[in-house]
Amino acid sequence: MGQDTHRKNRALAKAALDNASRYDIMTTSRWFRELTLRVTR
């Protein structure tokens, strides 16, 4: 049982990291787009 919990925790940690990087890419691209719009205006 302890082994299963450990595996589940690792999977959760990996999913959290994936979500964090995806969110980071989204915010970065949004910031970049706004910056580009501001420059080209």
PDB file of N, CA and C in Angstrom:
ATOM      1  N   MET A   1       0.828  -1.205   0.000  1.00  0.00           N
ATOM      2  CA  MET A   1       0.000   0.000   0.000  1.00  0.00           C
ATOM      3  C   MET A   1       0.868   1.263   0.000  1.00  0.00           C
ATOM      4  N   GLY A   2       1.915   1.283   0.787  1.00  0.00           N
ATOM      5  CA  GLY A   2       2.800   2.441   0.852  1.00  0.00           C
ATOM      6  C   GLY A   2       3.444   2.739  -0.493  1.00  0.00           C
ATOM      7  N   GLN A   3       3.791   1.654  -1.208  1.00  0.00           N
ATOM      8  CA  GLN A   3       4.419   1.812  -2.524  1.00  0.00           C
ATOM      9  C   GLN A   3       3.461   2.481  -3.505  1.00  0.00           C
ATOM     10  N   ASP A   4       2.188   2.092  -3.451  1.00  0.00           N
ATOM     11  CA  ASP A   4       1.175   2.642  -4.350  1.00  0.00           C
ATOM     12  C   ASP A   4       0.991   4.136  -4.113  1.00  0.00           C
ATOM     13  N   THR A   5       0.961   4.542  -2.843  1.00  0.00           N
ATOM     14  CA  THR A   5       0.807   5.960  -2.493  1.00  0.00           C
ATOM     15  C   THR A   5       1.987   6.758  -3.034  1.00  0.00           C
ATOM     16  N   HIS A   6       3.180   6.174  -2.912  1.00  0.00           N
ATOM     17  CA  HIS A   6       4.379   6.851  -3.394  1.00  0.00           C
ATOM     18  C   HIS A   6       4.292   7.084  -4.895  1.00  0.00           C
ATOM     19  N   ARG A   7       3.839   6.054  -5.625  1.00  0.00           N
ATOM     20  CA  ARG A   7       3.715   6.162  -7.078  1.00  0.00           C
ATOM     21  C   ARG A   7       2.684   7.226  -7.451  1.00  0.00           C
ATOM     22  N   LYS A   8       1.587   7.257  -6.693  1.00  0.00           N
ATOM     23  CA  LYS A   8       0.525   8.235  -6.964  1.00  0.00           C
ATOM     24  C   LYS A   8       1.038   9.646  -6.730  1.00  0.00           C
ATOM     25  N   ASN A   9       1.797   9.831  -5.648  1.00  0.00           N
ATOM     26  CA  ASN A   9       2.355  11.150  -5.352  1.00  0.00           C
ATOM     27  C   ASN A   9       3.300  11.612  -6.451  1.00  0.00           C
ATOM     28  N   ARG A  10       4.101  10.688  -6.963  1.00  0.00           N
ATOM     29  CA  ARG A  10       5.033  11.055  -8.026  1.00  0.00           C
ATOM     30  C   ARG A  10       4.275  11.459  -9.285  1.00  0.00           C
ATOM     31  N   ALA A  11       3.197  10.739  -9.581  1.00  0.00           N
ATOM     32  CA  ALA A  11       2.378  11.061 -10.751  1.00  0.00           C
ATOM     33  C   ALA A  11       1.735  12.437 -10.593  1.00  0.00           C
ATOM     34  N   LEU A  12       1.268  12.731  -9.383  1.00  0.00           N
ATOM     35  CA  LEU A  12       0.662  14.037  -9.102  1.00  0.00           C
ATOM     36  C   LEU A  12       1.688  15.154  -9.256  1.00  0.00           C
ATOM     37  N   ALA A  13       2.883  14.920  -8.752  1.00  0.00           N
ATOM     38  CA  ALA A  13       3.944  15.921  -8.846  1.00  0.00           C
ATOM     39  C   ALA A  13       4.288  16.190 -10.310  1.00  0.00           C
ATOM     40  N   LYS A  14       4.353  15.117 -11.113  1.00  0.00           N
ATOM     41  CA  LYS A  14       4.665  15.270 -12.527  1.00  0.00           C
ATOM     42  C   LYS A  14       3.559  16.051 -13.245  1.00  0.00           C
ATOM     43  N   ALA A  15       2.304  15.736 -12.930  1.00  0.00           N
ATOM     44  CA  ALA A  15       1.174  16.436 -13.545  1.00  0.00           C
ATOM     45  C   ALA A  15       1.194  17.914 -13.159  1.00  0.00           C
ATOM     46  N   ALA A  16       1.513  18.201 -11.907  1.00  0.00           N
ATOM     47  CA  ALA A  16       1.575  19.584 -11.435  1.00  0.00           C
ATOM     48  C   ALA A  16       2.664  20.350 -12.181  1.00  0.00           C
ATOM     49  N   LEU A  17       3.811  19.712 -12.379  1.00  0.00           N
ATOM     50  CA  LEU A  17       4.904  20.350 -13.117  1.00  0.00           C
ATOM     51  C   LEU A  17       4.514  20.613 -14.561  1.00  0.00           C
ATOM     52  N   ASP A  18       3.858  19.636 -15.184  1.00  0.00           N
ATOM     53  CA  ASP A  18       3.401  19.809 -16.567  1.00  0.00           C
ATOM     54  C   ASP A  18       2.433  20.981 -16.670  1.00  0.00           C
ATOM     55  N   ASN A  19       1.487  21.044 -15.730  1.00  0.00           N
ATOM     56  CA  ASN A  19       0.517  22.139 -15.719  1.00  0.00           C
ATOM     57  C   ASN A  19       1.216  23.473 -15.518  1.00  0.00           C
ATOM     58  N   ALA A  20       2.183  23.519 -14.623  1.00  0.00           N
ATOM     59  CA  ALA A  20       2.896  24.757 -14.323  1.00  0.00           C
ATOM     60  C   ALA A  20       3.624  25.265 -15.566  1.00  0.00           C
ATOM     61  N   SER A  21       4.314  24.378 -16.266  1.00  0.00           N
ATOM     62  CA  SER A  21       5.049  24.819 -17.461  1.00  0.00           C
ATOM     63  C   SER A  21       4.091  25.245 -18.562  1.00  0.00           C
ATOM     64  N   ARG A  22       2.963  24.543 -18.684  1.00  0.00           N
ATOM     65  CA  ARG A  22       1.977  24.917 -19.704  1.00  0.00           C
ATOM     66  C   ARG A  22       1.407  26.297 -19.398  1.00  0.00           C
ATOM     67  N   TYR A  23       1.110  26.540 -18.122  1.00  0.00           N
ATOM     68  CA  TYR A  23       0.577  27.839 -17.705  1.00  0.00           C
ATOM     69  C   TYR A  23       1.616  28.930 -17.938  1.00  0.00           C
ATOM     70  N   ASP A  24       2.863  28.613 -17.643  1.00  0.00           N
ATOM     71  CA  ASP A  24       3.953  29.561 -17.828  1.00  0.00           C
ATOM     72  C   ASP A  24       4.079  29.953 -19.297  1.00  0.00           C
ATOM     73  N   ILE A  25       3.991  28.983 -20.185  1.00  0.00           N
ATOM     74  CA  ILE A  25       4.068  29.253 -21.627  1.00  0.00           C
ATOM     75  C   ILE A  25       2.900  30.131 -22.062  1.00  0.00           C
ATOM     76  N   MET A  26       1.707  29.834 -21.537  1.00  0.00           N
ATOM     77  CA  MET A  26       0.529  30.628 -21.882  1.00  0.00           C
ATOM     78  C   MET A  26       0.681  32.081 -21.448  1.00  0.00           C
ATOM     79  N   THR A  27       1.111  32.291 -20.210  1.00  0.00           N
ATOM     80  CA  THR A  27       1.249  33.671 -19.721  1.00  0.00           C
ATOM     81  C   THR A  27       2.347  34.400 -20.477  1.00  0.00           C
ATOM     82  N   THR A  28       3.435  33.702 -20.769  1.00  0.00           N
ATOM     83  CA  THR A  28       4.538  34.325 -21.505  1.00  0.00           C
ATOM     84  C   THR A  28       4.090  34.746 -22.895  1.00  0.00           C
ATOM     85  N   SER A  29       3.375  33.856 -23.586  1.00  0.00           N
ATOM     86  CA  SER A  29       2.925  34.198 -24.935  1.00  0.00           C
ATOM     87  C   SER A  29       1.911  35.334 -24.908  1.00  0.00           C
ATOM     88  N   ARG A  30       1.045  35.353 -23.891  1.00  0.00           N
ATOM     89  CA  ARG A  30       0.059  36.433 -23.780  1.00  0.00           C
ATOM     90  C   ARG A  30       0.776  37.766 -23.559  1.00  0.00           C
ATOM     91  N   TRP A  31       1.799  37.742 -22.659  1.00  0.00           N
ATOM     92  CA  TRP A  31       2.563  38.957 -22.379  1.00  0.00           C
ATOM     93  C   TRP A  31       3.297  39.423 -23.633  1.00  0.00           C
ATOM     94  N   PHE A  32       3.853  38.459 -24.360  1.00  0.00           N
ATOM     95  CA  PHE A  32       4.599  38.777 -25.572  1.00  0.00           C
ATOM     96  C   PHE A  32       3.685  39.381 -26.625  1.00  0.00           C
ATOM     97  N   ARG A  33       2.470  38.826 -26.758  1.00  0.00           N
ATOM     98  CA  ARG A  33       1.516  39.341 -27.746  1.00  0.00           C
ATOM     99  C   ARG A  33       1.103  40.770 -27.403  1.00  0.00           C
ATOM    100  N   GLU A  34       0.838  41.026 -26.118  1.00  0.00           N
ATOM    101  CA  GLU A  34       0.456  42.379 -25.708  1.00  0.00           C
ATOM    102  C   GLU A  34       1.587  43.367 -25.967  1.00  0.00           C
ATOM    103  N   LEU A  35       2.806  42.921 -25.704  1.00  0.00           N
ATOM    104  CA  LEU A  35       3.969  43.770 -25.930  1.00  0.00           C
ATOM    105  C   LEU A  35       4.087  44.098 -27.423  1.00  0.00           C
ATOM    106  N   THR A  36       3.906  43.084 -28.267  1.00  0.00           N
ATOM    107  CA  THR A  36       3.977  43.273 -29.712  1.00  0.00           C
ATOM    108  C   THR A  36       2.902  44.231 -30.187  1.00  0.00           C
ATOM    109  N   LEU A  37       1.689  44.062 -29.686  1.00  0.00           N
ATOM    110  CA  LEU A  37       0.599  44.964 -30.067  1.00  0.00           C
ATOM    111  C   LEU A  37       0.906  46.402 -29.662  1.00  0.00           C
ATOM    112  N   ARG A  38       1.481  46.556 -28.480  1.00  0.00           N
ATOM    113  CA  ARG A  38       1.812  47.887 -27.992  1.00  0.00           C
ATOM    114  C   ARG A  38       2.902  48.535 -28.846  1.00  0.00           C
ATOM    115  N   VAL A  39       3.862  47.749 -29.282  1.00  0.00           N
ATOM    116  CA  VAL A  39       4.975  48.275 -30.088  1.00  0.00           C
ATOM    117  C   VAL A  39       4.508  48.646 -31.493  1.00  0.00           C
ATOM    118  N   THR A  40       3.667  47.796 -32.085  1.00  0.00           N
ATOM    119  CA  THR A  40       3.261  48.041 -33.473  1.00  0.00           C
ATOM    120  C   THR A  40       2.219  49.136 -33.610  1.00  0.00           C
ATOM    121  N   ARG A  41       1.587  49.529 -32.530  1.00  0.00           N
ATOM    122  CA  ARG A  41       0.574  50.583 -32.619  1.00  0.00           C
ATOM    123  C   ARG A  41       1.187  51.934 -32.879  1.00  0.00           C
TER     124      ARG A  41
END
